[in-house]
């Protein structure tokens, strides 16, 4: 349940901080996993980011936003948020969608 909350918070933060629209036709939705220990949680996120972007700054803001939201909704202290950038997405990639 915590991972689902984190994934949704990451999608919102991705839209807000990285200007990636939260619709289903663009880049793949962020994924999240959570390791919960007594009263605290460690999160791992994976997502696409737009190119060009200030990767370090955007990642820092997304990590902060997700930690804050997860704490608000679960009451758990977020000890760590790691974020993996799966790929950088150009405007042409976002318009085209993902082909498998």
C-alpha atoms as a PDB file:
ATOM      1  CA  UNK A   1       0.000   0.000   0.000  1.00  0.00           C
ATOM      2  CA  UNK A   2       2.825   2.443   0.828  1.00  0.00           C
ATOM      3  CA  UNK A   3       4.460   1.732  -2.546  1.00  0.00           C
ATOM      4  CA  UNK A   4       1.201   2.562  -4.355  1.00  0.00           C
ATOM      5  CA  UNK A   5       0.898   5.829  -2.465  1.00  0.00           C
ATOM      6  CA  UNK A   6       4.533   6.641  -3.323  1.00  0.00           C
ATOM      7  CA  UNK A   7       3.998   5.815  -7.016  1.00  0.00           C
ATOM      8  CA  UNK A   8       0.983   8.100  -7.203  1.00  0.00           C
ATOM      9  CA  UNK A   9       2.852  10.865  -5.367  1.00  0.00           C
ATOM     10  CA  UNK A  10       5.771  10.387  -7.780  1.00  0.00           C
ATOM     11  CA  UNK A  11       3.453  10.758 -10.775  1.00  0.00           C
ATOM     12  CA  UNK A  12       2.105  14.022  -9.362  1.00  0.00           C
ATOM     13  CA  UNK A  13       5.598  15.292  -8.562  1.00  0.00           C
ATOM     14  CA  UNK A  14       6.851  14.237 -12.023  1.00  0.00           C
ATOM     15  CA  UNK A  15       4.086  16.262 -13.615  1.00  0.00           C
ATOM     16  CA  UNK A  16       4.710  19.282 -11.393  1.00  0.00           C
ATOM     17  CA  UNK A  17       8.517  19.304 -11.233  1.00  0.00           C
ATOM     18  CA  UNK A  18       9.489  17.842 -14.608  1.00  0.00           C
ATOM     19  CA  UNK A  19       6.603  19.147 -16.729  1.00  0.00           C
ATOM     20  CA  UNK A  20       5.579  15.659 -17.814  1.00  0.00           C
ATOM     21  CA  UNK A  21       1.795  15.477 -18.177  1.00  0.00           C
ATOM     22  CA  UNK A  22       0.107  12.889 -15.949  1.00  0.00           C
ATOM     23  CA  UNK A  23      -1.789  11.274 -18.832  1.00  0.00           C
ATOM     24  CA  UNK A  24      -1.377   7.674 -19.920  1.00  0.00           C
ATOM     25  CA  UNK A  25      -0.191   8.399 -23.491  1.00  0.00           C
ATOM     26  CA  UNK A  26       3.202   9.843 -22.546  1.00  0.00           C
ATOM     27  CA  UNK A  27       6.147   8.268 -20.755  1.00  0.00           C
ATOM     28  CA  UNK A  28       5.660   5.216 -18.577  1.00  0.00           C
ATOM     29  CA  UNK A  29       4.248   5.884 -15.139  1.00  0.00           C
ATOM     30  CA  UNK A  30       6.711   6.005 -12.253  1.00  0.00           C
ATOM     31  CA  UNK A  31       7.170   2.832 -10.254  1.00  0.00           C
ATOM     32  CA  UNK A  32       7.858   2.598  -6.549  1.00  0.00           C
ATOM     33  CA  UNK A  33       8.845   0.080  -3.918  1.00  0.00           C
ATOM     34  CA  UNK A  34       8.808   0.512  -0.161  1.00  0.00           C
ATOM     35  CA  UNK A  35      10.623  -1.129   2.732  1.00  0.00           C
ATOM     36  CA  UNK A  36       8.644  -0.462   5.897  1.00  0.00           C
ATOM     37  CA  UNK A  37      10.188  -0.794   9.334  1.00  0.00           C
ATOM     38  CA  UNK A  38       8.667   0.174  12.652  1.00  0.00           C
ATOM     39  CA  UNK A  39       7.332   3.680  12.039  1.00  0.00           C
ATOM     40  CA  UNK A  40       9.567   4.465   9.060  1.00  0.00           C
ATOM     41  CA  UNK A  41       9.912   3.650   5.396  1.00  0.00           C
ATOM     42  CA  UNK A  42      12.604   3.641   2.707  1.00  0.00           C
ATOM     43  CA  UNK A  43      11.359   4.322  -0.818  1.00  0.00           C
ATOM     44  CA  UNK A  44      12.800   3.567  -4.222  1.00  0.00           C
ATOM     45  CA  UNK A  45      11.338   5.326  -7.283  1.00  0.00           C
ATOM     46  CA  UNK A  46      12.009   4.793 -10.978  1.00  0.00           C
ATOM     47  CA  UNK A  47      10.757   7.212 -13.630  1.00  0.00           C
ATOM     48  CA  UNK A  48      11.351   8.935 -16.944  1.00  0.00           C
ATOM     49  CA  UNK A  49      12.392  12.593 -17.068  1.00  0.00           C
ATOM     50  CA  UNK A  50      12.292  15.090 -19.928  1.00  0.00           C
ATOM     51  CA  UNK A  51      15.376  16.006 -21.915  1.00  0.00           C
ATOM     52  CA  UNK A  52      16.848  18.541 -21.469  1.00  0.00           C
ATOM     53  CA  UNK A  53      16.424  19.084 -17.730  1.00  0.00           C
ATOM     54  CA  UNK A  54      18.472  19.819 -14.639  1.00  0.00           C
ATOM     55  CA  UNK A  55      18.413  16.187 -13.506  1.00  0.00           C
ATOM     56  CA  UNK A  56      19.928  16.724 -10.047  1.00  0.00           C
ATOM     57  CA  UNK A  57      17.573  19.573  -9.145  1.00  0.00           C
ATOM     58  CA  UNK A  58      14.440  17.890 -10.502  1.00  0.00           C
ATOM     59  CA  UNK A  59      15.263  14.600  -8.763  1.00  0.00           C
ATOM     60  CA  UNK A  60      15.872  16.384  -5.458  1.00  0.00           C
ATOM     61  CA  UNK A  61      12.528  18.192  -5.681  1.00  0.00           C
ATOM     62  CA  UNK A  62      10.651  14.997  -6.628  1.00  0.00           C
ATOM     63  CA  UNK A  63      12.256  13.078  -3.739  1.00  0.00           C
ATOM     64  CA  UNK A  64      11.247  15.829  -1.316  1.00  0.00           C
ATOM     65  CA  UNK A  65       7.677  16.021  -2.661  1.00  0.00           C
ATOM     66  CA  UNK A  66       7.184  12.249  -2.495  1.00  0.00           C
ATOM     67  CA  UNK A  67       8.620  11.984   1.024  1.00  0.00           C
ATOM     68  CA  UNK A  68       6.371  14.787   2.231  1.00  0.00           C
ATOM     69  CA  UNK A  69       3.241  13.299   0.638  1.00  0.00           C
ATOM     70  CA  UNK A  70       3.910   9.764   1.885  1.00  0.00           C
ATOM     71  CA  UNK A  71       4.424  11.106   5.408  1.00  0.00           C
ATOM     72  CA  UNK A  72       1.162  13.087   5.191  1.00  0.00           C
ATOM     73  CA  UNK A  73      -0.872  10.113   4.001  1.00  0.00           C
ATOM     74  CA  UNK A  74       0.677   7.288   6.031  1.00  0.00           C
ATOM     75  CA  UNK A  75       2.098   8.909   9.157  1.00  0.00           C
ATOM     76  CA  UNK A  76       5.363   7.066   8.530  1.00  0.00           C
ATOM     77  CA  UNK A  77       8.707   8.832   8.710  1.00  0.00           C
ATOM     78  CA  UNK A  78      10.443   8.608   5.322  1.00  0.00           C
ATOM     79  CA  UNK A  79      14.087   7.835   6.034  1.00  0.00           C
ATOM     80  CA  UNK A  80      15.313   7.675   2.445  1.00  0.00           C
ATOM     81  CA  UNK A  81      14.044   8.162  -1.089  1.00  0.00           C
ATOM     82  CA  UNK A  82      16.228   6.872  -3.909  1.00  0.00           C
ATOM     83  CA  UNK A  83      15.295   7.737  -7.459  1.00  0.00           C
ATOM     84  CA  UNK A  84      16.426   5.977 -10.632  1.00  0.00           C
ATOM     85  CA  UNK A  85      15.988   7.778 -13.937  1.00  0.00           C
ATOM     86  CA  UNK A  86      14.931   5.041 -16.384  1.00  0.00           C
ATOM     87  CA  UNK A  87      15.358   7.212 -19.441  1.00  0.00           C
ATOM     88  CA  UNK A  88      15.341  10.786 -20.675  1.00  0.00           C
ATOM     89  CA  UNK A  89      12.381  11.615 -22.899  1.00  0.00           C
ATOM     90  CA  UNK A  90      12.454  14.211 -25.666  1.00  0.00           C
ATOM     91  CA  UNK A  91       9.296  16.036 -26.733  1.00  0.00           C
ATOM     92  CA  UNK A  92       9.161  13.809 -29.847  1.00  0.00           C
ATOM     93  CA  UNK A  93       9.322  10.659 -27.646  1.00  0.00           C
ATOM     94  CA  UNK A  94       6.534  11.955 -25.398  1.00  0.00           C
ATOM     95  CA  UNK A  95       4.275  12.653 -28.375  1.00  0.00           C
ATOM     96  CA  UNK A  96       4.998   9.281 -29.946  1.00  0.00           C
ATOM     97  CA  UNK A  97       4.408   7.180 -26.825  1.00  0.00           C
ATOM     98  CA  UNK A  98       6.315   4.056 -25.979  1.00  0.00           C
ATOM     99  CA  UNK A  99       6.612   1.256 -28.500  1.00  0.00           C
ATOM    100  CA  UNK A 100       7.260  -2.283 -27.284  1.00  0.00           C
END
